[in-house]
């Protein structure tokens, strides 16, 4: 490719995208998102180490979208999705809720098949051996 063509291509990309190479800048075409979508985007994992994790996350999010979770259920689900296995007491502390509220939302998510028992361990808050929960 001649220098003339390269310079024209570079000028065209700068004019259209604001950068010389790679993908267009995302700020140039920000999508209009509602509050829930923006919260999901802000809370979404920034990187996923393996393809299996990507498939699992994608499948779980598709199921959650299809079920249409209530706001409190969504908060518990996203906390487990982002933070990993937690006990009811740890989730309650993190969300600023009562443990019974978290337990009720957790039971609803388990009934929907979105949350599973991830085994027993010593709770960081109480010191008792309790169940921890994770996204399926």
C-alpha atoms as a PDB file:
ATOM      1  CA  UNK A   1       0.000   0.000   0.000  1.00  0.00           C
ATOM      2  CA  UNK A   2       1.406   3.371  -0.890  1.00  0.00           C
ATOM      3  CA  UNK A   3       2.020   6.069   1.677  1.00  0.00           C
ATOM      4  CA  UNK A   4      -0.723   8.167   0.081  1.00  0.00           C
ATOM      5  CA  UNK A   5      -3.318   5.425   0.636  1.00  0.00           C
ATOM      6  CA  UNK A   6      -2.071   4.763   4.167  1.00  0.00           C
ATOM      7  CA  UNK A   7      -2.315   8.449   5.067  1.00  0.00           C
ATOM      8  CA  UNK A   8      -5.820   8.699   3.598  1.00  0.00           C
ATOM      9  CA  UNK A   9      -6.900   5.578   5.492  1.00  0.00           C
ATOM     10  CA  UNK A  10      -5.439   6.968   8.718  1.00  0.00           C
ATOM     11  CA  UNK A  11      -7.141  10.334   8.204  1.00  0.00           C
ATOM     12  CA  UNK A  12     -10.442   8.594   7.440  1.00  0.00           C
ATOM     13  CA  UNK A  13     -10.225   6.485  10.626  1.00  0.00           C
ATOM     14  CA  UNK A  14      -9.340   9.518  12.725  1.00  0.00           C
ATOM     15  CA  UNK A  15     -12.267  11.426  11.295  1.00  0.00           C
ATOM     16  CA  UNK A  16     -14.763   8.571  11.784  1.00  0.00           C
ATOM     17  CA  UNK A  17     -13.575   6.947  14.990  1.00  0.00           C
ATOM     18  CA  UNK A  18     -11.244   9.332  16.771  1.00  0.00           C
ATOM     19  CA  UNK A  19      -8.318   6.897  16.844  1.00  0.00           C
ATOM     20  CA  UNK A  20      -5.871   5.389  14.392  1.00  0.00           C
ATOM     21  CA  UNK A  21      -6.373   1.657  14.831  1.00  0.00           C
ATOM     22  CA  UNK A  22      -8.406  -0.936  16.636  1.00  0.00           C
ATOM     23  CA  UNK A  23     -12.063  -0.705  17.476  1.00  0.00           C
ATOM     24  CA  UNK A  24     -13.967   2.583  17.493  1.00  0.00           C
ATOM     25  CA  UNK A  25     -14.045   4.398  20.807  1.00  0.00           C
ATOM     26  CA  UNK A  26     -17.056   3.357  22.837  1.00  0.00           C
ATOM     27  CA  UNK A  27     -17.682   6.888  24.078  1.00  0.00           C
ATOM     28  CA  UNK A  28     -18.485   7.917  20.512  1.00  0.00           C
ATOM     29  CA  UNK A  29     -21.595   5.733  20.461  1.00  0.00           C
ATOM     30  CA  UNK A  30     -22.835   5.358  24.021  1.00  0.00           C
ATOM     31  CA  UNK A  31     -26.034   3.320  24.137  1.00  0.00           C
ATOM     32  CA  UNK A  32     -29.051   4.593  26.029  1.00  0.00           C
ATOM     33  CA  UNK A  33     -29.516   2.296  29.031  1.00  0.00           C
ATOM     34  CA  UNK A  34     -32.142   2.192  31.725  1.00  0.00           C
ATOM     35  CA  UNK A  35     -31.092   2.083  35.397  1.00  0.00           C
ATOM     36  CA  UNK A  36     -31.168  -1.716  35.685  1.00  0.00           C
ATOM     37  CA  UNK A  37     -29.140  -2.230  32.509  1.00  0.00           C
ATOM     38  CA  UNK A  38     -26.615   0.408  33.620  1.00  0.00           C
ATOM     39  CA  UNK A  39     -26.303  -1.228  37.060  1.00  0.00           C
ATOM     40  CA  UNK A  40     -25.697  -4.618  35.434  1.00  0.00           C
ATOM     41  CA  UNK A  41     -23.084  -3.101  33.162  1.00  0.00           C
ATOM     42  CA  UNK A  42     -21.357  -1.381  36.091  1.00  0.00           C
ATOM     43  CA  UNK A  43     -21.449  -4.553  38.229  1.00  0.00           C
ATOM     44  CA  UNK A  44     -20.511  -6.965  35.442  1.00  0.00           C
ATOM     45  CA  UNK A  45     -17.211  -8.809  35.760  1.00  0.00           C
ATOM     46  CA  UNK A  46     -14.490  -6.972  33.873  1.00  0.00           C
ATOM     47  CA  UNK A  47     -12.700 -10.122  32.768  1.00  0.00           C
ATOM     48  CA  UNK A  48     -13.509 -13.810  32.683  1.00  0.00           C
ATOM     49  CA  UNK A  49     -10.562 -16.224  32.817  1.00  0.00           C
ATOM     50  CA  UNK A  50     -11.852 -19.179  30.805  1.00  0.00           C
ATOM     51  CA  UNK A  51     -14.320 -20.053  28.085  1.00  0.00           C
ATOM     52  CA  UNK A  52     -16.199 -22.348  30.485  1.00  0.00           C
ATOM     53  CA  UNK A  53     -16.752 -19.443  32.872  1.00  0.00           C
ATOM     54  CA  UNK A  54     -18.004 -17.355  29.972  1.00  0.00           C
ATOM     55  CA  UNK A  55     -20.495 -20.048  28.950  1.00  0.00           C
ATOM     56  CA  UNK A  56     -21.682 -20.503  32.533  1.00  0.00           C
ATOM     57  CA  UNK A  57     -22.105 -16.767  33.059  1.00  0.00           C
ATOM     58  CA  UNK A  58     -23.929 -16.340  29.755  1.00  0.00           C
ATOM     59  CA  UNK A  59     -26.296 -19.229  30.463  1.00  0.00           C
ATOM     60  CA  UNK A  60     -27.009 -18.012  33.992  1.00  0.00           C
ATOM     61  CA  UNK A  61     -27.748 -14.475  32.809  1.00  0.00           C
ATOM     62  CA  UNK A  62     -30.057 -15.770  30.077  1.00  0.00           C
ATOM     63  CA  UNK A  63     -32.002 -17.795  32.629  1.00  0.00           C
ATOM     64  CA  UNK A  64     -32.221 -14.830  34.997  1.00  0.00           C
ATOM     65  CA  UNK A  65     -33.508 -12.619  32.171  1.00  0.00           C
ATOM     66  CA  UNK A  66     -36.152 -15.178  31.217  1.00  0.00           C
ATOM     67  CA  UNK A  67     -37.404 -15.504  34.806  1.00  0.00           C
ATOM     68  CA  UNK A  68     -37.888 -11.730  35.403  1.00  0.00           C
ATOM     69  CA  UNK A  69     -36.574 -11.484  38.953  1.00  0.00           C
ATOM     70  CA  UNK A  70     -37.963  -9.004  41.476  1.00  0.00           C
ATOM     71  CA  UNK A  71     -35.655  -6.166  42.530  1.00  0.00           C
ATOM     72  CA  UNK A  72     -34.559  -7.775  45.830  1.00  0.00           C
ATOM     73  CA  UNK A  73     -34.037 -11.151  44.152  1.00  0.00           C
ATOM     74  CA  UNK A  74     -31.960  -9.420  41.465  1.00  0.00           C
ATOM     75  CA  UNK A  75     -29.746  -7.776  44.106  1.00  0.00           C
ATOM     76  CA  UNK A  76     -29.057 -11.090  45.859  1.00  0.00           C
ATOM     77  CA  UNK A  77     -28.476 -12.845  42.512  1.00  0.00           C
ATOM     78  CA  UNK A  78     -26.043 -10.180  41.276  1.00  0.00           C
ATOM     79  CA  UNK A  79     -24.173 -10.183  44.585  1.00  0.00           C
ATOM     80  CA  UNK A  80     -23.617 -13.937  44.329  1.00  0.00           C
ATOM     81  CA  UNK A  81     -22.766 -13.639  40.649  1.00  0.00           C
ATOM     82  CA  UNK A  82     -20.122 -10.975  41.279  1.00  0.00           C
ATOM     83  CA  UNK A  83     -18.760 -12.000  44.683  1.00  0.00           C
ATOM     84  CA  UNK A  84     -19.004 -15.779  44.514  1.00  0.00           C
ATOM     85  CA  UNK A  85     -20.022 -18.143  47.317  1.00  0.00           C
ATOM     86  CA  UNK A  86     -21.388 -16.386  50.409  1.00  0.00           C
ATOM     87  CA  UNK A  87     -23.443 -17.238  53.471  1.00  0.00           C
ATOM     88  CA  UNK A  88     -26.805 -15.603  54.197  1.00  0.00           C
ATOM     89  CA  UNK A  89     -25.253 -13.555  57.003  1.00  0.00           C
ATOM     90  CA  UNK A  90     -22.433 -12.308  54.759  1.00  0.00           C
ATOM     91  CA  UNK A  91     -24.929 -11.349  52.041  1.00  0.00           C
ATOM     92  CA  UNK A  92     -27.109  -9.561  54.600  1.00  0.00           C
ATOM     93  CA  UNK A  93     -24.154  -7.556  55.868  1.00  0.00           C
ATOM     94  CA  UNK A  94     -23.034  -6.697  52.341  1.00  0.00           C
ATOM     95  CA  UNK A  95     -26.542  -5.552  51.292  1.00  0.00           C
ATOM     96  CA  UNK A  96     -27.380  -3.872  54.598  1.00  0.00           C
ATOM     97  CA  UNK A  97     -30.439  -6.094  55.076  1.00  0.00           C
ATOM     98  CA  UNK A  98     -31.703  -8.387  57.809  1.00  0.00           C
ATOM     99  CA  UNK A  99     -30.513 -12.010  57.478  1.00  0.00           C
ATOM    100  CA  UNK A 100     -34.119 -13.254  57.323  1.00  0.00           C
ATOM    101  CA  UNK A 101     -34.793 -11.062  54.264  1.00  0.00           C
ATOM    102  CA  UNK A 102     -31.741 -12.436  52.477  1.00  0.00           C
ATOM    103  CA  UNK A 103     -32.682 -15.983  53.469  1.00  0.00           C
ATOM    104  CA  UNK A 104     -36.181 -15.574  52.001  1.00  0.00           C
ATOM    105  CA  UNK A 105     -34.853 -14.147  48.708  1.00  0.00           C
ATOM    106  CA  UNK A 106     -32.209 -16.880  48.614  1.00  0.00           C
ATOM    107  CA  UNK A 107     -34.885 -19.580  49.074  1.00  0.00           C
ATOM    108  CA  UNK A 108     -36.881 -18.077  46.190  1.00  0.00           C
ATOM    109  CA  UNK A 109     -33.800 -18.108  43.942  1.00  0.00           C
ATOM    110  CA  UNK A 110     -33.078 -21.720  44.933  1.00  0.00           C
ATOM    111  CA  UNK A 111     -36.660 -22.679  44.058  1.00  0.00           C
ATOM    112  CA  UNK A 112     -36.131 -21.091  40.618  1.00  0.00           C
ATOM    113  CA  UNK A 113     -32.942 -23.122  40.164  1.00  0.00           C
ATOM    114  CA  UNK A 114     -30.637 -20.094  39.982  1.00  0.00           C
ATOM    115  CA  UNK A 115     -28.781 -20.614  43.277  1.00  0.00           C
ATOM    116  CA  UNK A 116     -27.219 -23.808  44.604  1.00  0.00           C
ATOM    117  CA  UNK A 117     -25.668 -24.968  47.853  1.00  0.00           C
ATOM    118  CA  UNK A 118     -21.901 -24.535  47.508  1.00  0.00           C
ATOM    119  CA  UNK A 119     -21.043 -26.571  50.600  1.00  0.00           C
ATOM    120  CA  UNK A 120     -20.491 -25.791  54.241  1.00  0.00           C
ATOM    121  CA  UNK A 121     -17.780 -23.654  55.746  1.00  0.00           C
ATOM    122  CA  UNK A 122     -17.124 -21.477  58.751  1.00  0.00           C
ATOM    123  CA  UNK A 123     -18.910 -18.134  58.469  1.00  0.00           C
ATOM    124  CA  UNK A 124     -16.582 -15.132  58.621  1.00  0.00           C
ATOM    125  CA  UNK A 125     -19.174 -13.204  60.646  1.00  0.00           C
ATOM    126  CA  UNK A 126     -20.553 -15.716  63.150  1.00  0.00           C
ATOM    127  CA  UNK A 127     -17.860 -18.408  63.284  1.00  0.00           C
ATOM    128  CA  UNK A 128     -20.503 -21.146  62.923  1.00  0.00           C
ATOM    129  CA  UNK A 129     -20.348 -23.777  60.200  1.00  0.00           C
ATOM    130  CA  UNK A 130     -23.086 -22.828  57.758  1.00  0.00           C
ATOM    131  CA  UNK A 131     -24.112 -23.340  54.146  1.00  0.00           C
ATOM    132  CA  UNK A 132     -22.725 -21.046  51.528  1.00  0.00           C
ATOM    133  CA  UNK A 133     -24.596 -20.301  48.312  1.00  0.00           C
ATOM    134  CA  UNK A 134     -23.485 -19.655  44.767  1.00  0.00           C
ATOM    135  CA  UNK A 135     -25.007 -19.044  41.345  1.00  0.00           C
ATOM    136  CA  UNK A 136     -25.704 -22.290  39.498  1.00  0.00           C
END
